[in-house]
Amino acid sequence: MQIFLDEVKQQCRVDHDDEDELLQIQLESAKSTIAELTNRILFETMPENPPDNALEITADLKLAVLMLTAYLYENRSGWNEANNSPNFAIPPTVEAIIMRYRYITL
């Protein structure tokens, strides 16, 4: 399942093109972060001979990617002014979705 920039912009409630490049970078970062946390290789469409840890992006994973992208967009400084501390934690809803897909090697 593909994730398009228009969908990211809708999730982030952005209706201009000024930040398209930033949103694209944040989208790729969100996908990369989810791949790392799940120990998976994410595919928009599954290849013919996928590796054992391959995972096709499903509707719920797409939602997790969109939500994490929006979180990165809204917290772009990476700093929590109220607590004067770094501000990067995976939102609990995103974590709940992606942890079901965690690939554990023995």
C-alpha atoms as a PDB file:
ATOM      1  CA  MET A   1       0.000   0.000   0.000  1.00  0.00           C
ATOM      2  CA  GLN A   2       1.488   3.298  -1.074  1.00  0.00           C
ATOM      3  CA  ILE A   3       1.611   6.410   1.066  1.00  0.00           C
ATOM      4  CA  PHE A   4       1.234   9.605  -0.927  1.00  0.00           C
ATOM      5  CA  LEU A   5       2.304  13.115   0.008  1.00  0.00           C
ATOM      6  CA  ASP A   6      -1.306  14.303  -0.368  1.00  0.00           C
ATOM      7  CA  GLU A   7      -2.319  11.847   2.369  1.00  0.00           C
ATOM      8  CA  VAL A   8       0.468  13.131   4.614  1.00  0.00           C
ATOM      9  CA  LYS A   9      -0.657  16.710   4.017  1.00  0.00           C
ATOM     10  CA  GLN A  10      -4.233  15.783   4.860  1.00  0.00           C
ATOM     11  CA  GLN A  11      -3.106  14.057   8.087  1.00  0.00           C
ATOM     12  CA  CYS A  12      -1.007  17.107   9.014  1.00  0.00           C
ATOM     13  CA  ARG A  13      -3.753  19.533   7.958  1.00  0.00           C
ATOM     14  CA  VAL A  14      -1.402  21.287   5.535  1.00  0.00           C
ATOM     15  CA  ASP A  15      -3.023  22.923   2.516  1.00  0.00           C
ATOM     16  CA  HIS A  16       0.002  24.644   0.956  1.00  0.00           C
ATOM     17  CA  ASP A  17       3.034  23.369  -0.951  1.00  0.00           C
ATOM     18  CA  ASP A  18       5.704  25.326   0.922  1.00  0.00           C
ATOM     19  CA  GLU A  19       6.670  22.405   3.161  1.00  0.00           C
ATOM     20  CA  ASP A  20       6.344  19.502   0.724  1.00  0.00           C
ATOM     21  CA  GLU A  21      10.054  18.706   0.878  1.00  0.00           C
ATOM     22  CA  LEU A  22      10.038  18.726   4.686  1.00  0.00           C
ATOM     23  CA  LEU A  23       6.940  16.521   4.798  1.00  0.00           C
ATOM     24  CA  GLN A  24       8.525  14.061   2.357  1.00  0.00           C
ATOM     25  CA  ILE A  25      11.635  13.837   4.552  1.00  0.00           C
ATOM     26  CA  GLN A  26       9.487  13.319   7.647  1.00  0.00           C
ATOM     27  CA  LEU A  27       7.476  10.628   5.843  1.00  0.00           C
ATOM     28  CA  GLU A  28      10.664   8.740   4.965  1.00  0.00           C
ATOM     29  CA  SER A  29      11.906   9.157   8.535  1.00  0.00           C
ATOM     30  CA  ALA A  30       8.641   7.781   9.925  1.00  0.00           C
ATOM     31  CA  LYS A  31       8.823   4.736   7.638  1.00  0.00           C
ATOM     32  CA  SER A  32      12.468   4.174   8.556  1.00  0.00           C
ATOM     33  CA  THR A  33      11.735   4.495  12.275  1.00  0.00           C
ATOM     34  CA  ILE A  34       8.873   2.004  12.096  1.00  0.00           C
ATOM     35  CA  ALA A  35      11.005  -0.424  10.080  1.00  0.00           C
ATOM     36  CA  GLU A  36      13.758  -0.195  12.691  1.00  0.00           C
ATOM     37  CA  LEU A  37      11.415  -0.579  15.672  1.00  0.00           C
ATOM     38  CA  THR A  38       9.706  -3.610  14.155  1.00  0.00           C
ATOM     39  CA  ASN A  39      12.906  -5.147  12.754  1.00  0.00           C
ATOM     40  CA  ARG A  40      11.125  -5.348   9.403  1.00  0.00           C
ATOM     41  CA  ILE A  41      11.778  -4.336   5.827  1.00  0.00           C
ATOM     42  CA  LEU A  42       8.685  -2.421   4.740  1.00  0.00           C
ATOM     43  CA  PHE A  43       7.373  -2.757   1.204  1.00  0.00           C
ATOM     44  CA  GLU A  44       4.569  -0.873  -0.490  1.00  0.00           C
ATOM     45  CA  THR A  45       4.013  -4.023  -2.559  1.00  0.00           C
ATOM     46  CA  MET A  46       5.560  -7.351  -1.635  1.00  0.00           C
ATOM     47  CA  PRO A  47       8.391  -8.481  -3.933  1.00  0.00           C
ATOM     48  CA  GLU A  48       8.437 -11.915  -5.527  1.00  0.00           C
ATOM     49  CA  ASN A  49      10.997 -13.474  -3.141  1.00  0.00           C
ATOM     50  CA  PRO A  50      10.794 -11.369   0.014  1.00  0.00           C
ATOM     51  CA  PRO A  51      13.170 -11.763   2.951  1.00  0.00           C
ATOM     52  CA  ASP A  52      11.815 -13.424   6.107  1.00  0.00           C
ATOM     53  CA  ASN A  53      11.315 -10.095   7.837  1.00  0.00           C
ATOM     54  CA  ALA A  54       9.520  -8.456   4.892  1.00  0.00           C
ATOM     55  CA  LEU A  55       6.265  -6.711   5.657  1.00  0.00           C
ATOM     56  CA  GLU A  56       3.814  -5.162   3.244  1.00  0.00           C
ATOM     57  CA  ILE A  57       2.362  -1.869   4.437  1.00  0.00           C
ATOM     58  CA  THR A  58      -1.236  -2.588   5.440  1.00  0.00           C
ATOM     59  CA  ALA A  59      -3.961  -0.065   6.268  1.00  0.00           C
ATOM     60  CA  ASP A  60      -3.091   0.006   9.977  1.00  0.00           C
ATOM     61  CA  LEU A  61       0.636   0.376   9.285  1.00  0.00           C
ATOM     62  CA  LYS A  62      -0.168   3.166   6.848  1.00  0.00           C
ATOM     63  CA  LEU A  63      -2.102   4.897   9.616  1.00  0.00           C
ATOM     64  CA  ALA A  64       0.861   4.463  11.974  1.00  0.00           C
ATOM     65  CA  VAL A  65       3.212   5.987   9.380  1.00  0.00           C
ATOM     66  CA  LEU A  66       0.843   8.913   8.809  1.00  0.00           C
ATOM     67  CA  MET A  67       0.431   9.480  12.549  1.00  0.00           C
ATOM     68  CA  LEU A  68       4.180   9.375  13.183  1.00  0.00           C
ATOM     69  CA  THR A  69       4.802  11.720  10.254  1.00  0.00           C
ATOM     70  CA  ALA A  70       2.257  14.171  11.692  1.00  0.00           C
ATOM     71  CA  TYR A  71       3.926  13.870  15.103  1.00  0.00           C
ATOM     72  CA  LEU A  72       7.312  14.693  13.557  1.00  0.00           C
ATOM     73  CA  TYR A  73       5.763  17.642  11.723  1.00  0.00           C
ATOM     74  CA  GLU A  74       4.110  19.025  14.850  1.00  0.00           C
ATOM     75  CA  ASN A  75       7.223  18.507  16.987  1.00  0.00           C
ATOM     76  CA  ARG A  76       9.814  19.467  14.419  1.00  0.00           C
ATOM     77  CA  SER A  77      12.169  21.134  16.865  1.00  0.00           C
ATOM     78  CA  GLY A  78      12.556  17.922  18.839  1.00  0.00           C
ATOM     79  CA  TRP A  79      12.539  19.948  22.035  1.00  0.00           C
ATOM     80  CA  ASN A  80       9.878  20.131  24.729  1.00  0.00           C
ATOM     81  CA  GLU A  81       9.796  23.759  25.855  1.00  0.00           C
ATOM     82  CA  ALA A  82       7.655  23.012  28.925  1.00  0.00           C
ATOM     83  CA  ASN A  83      10.075  20.408  30.302  1.00  0.00           C
ATOM     84  CA  ASN A  84      13.206  21.864  28.714  1.00  0.00           C
ATOM     85  CA  SER A  85      14.109  18.391  27.459  1.00  0.00           C
ATOM     86  CA  PRO A  86      14.317  16.364  24.242  1.00  0.00           C
ATOM     87  CA  ASN A  87      10.891  15.524  22.865  1.00  0.00           C
ATOM     88  CA  PHE A  88      11.027  12.336  20.876  1.00  0.00           C
ATOM     89  CA  ALA A  89       8.910   9.461  21.989  1.00  0.00           C
ATOM     90  CA  ILE A  90       6.811   7.268  19.780  1.00  0.00           C
ATOM     91  CA  PRO A  91       3.155   8.204  20.319  1.00  0.00           C
ATOM     92  CA  PRO A  92       1.400   5.377  22.232  1.00  0.00           C
ATOM     93  CA  THR A  93      -1.146   4.763  19.467  1.00  0.00           C
ATOM     94  CA  VAL A  94       1.617   4.347  16.889  1.00  0.00           C
ATOM     95  CA  GLU A  95       3.493   2.019  19.223  1.00  0.00           C
ATOM     96  CA  ALA A  96       0.367  -0.077  19.837  1.00  0.00           C
ATOM     97  CA  ILE A  97      -0.114  -0.544  16.101  1.00  0.00           C
ATOM     98  CA  ILE A  98       3.468  -1.344  15.144  1.00  0.00           C
ATOM     99  CA  MET A  99       4.433  -3.635  18.025  1.00  0.00           C
ATOM    100  CA  ARG A 100       2.049  -6.297  16.713  1.00  0.00           C
ATOM    101  CA  TYR A 101       4.338  -6.554  13.691  1.00  0.00           C
ATOM    102  CA  ARG A 102       7.636  -6.838  15.555  1.00  0.00           C
ATOM    103  CA  TYR A 103       9.884  -9.468  13.987  1.00  0.00           C
ATOM    104  CA  ILE A 104      11.905 -11.270  16.633  1.00  0.00           C
ATOM    105  CA  THR A 105      14.887 -13.379  15.648  1.00  0.00           C
ATOM    106  CA  LEU A 106      16.142 -16.185  17.820  1.00  0.00           C
END
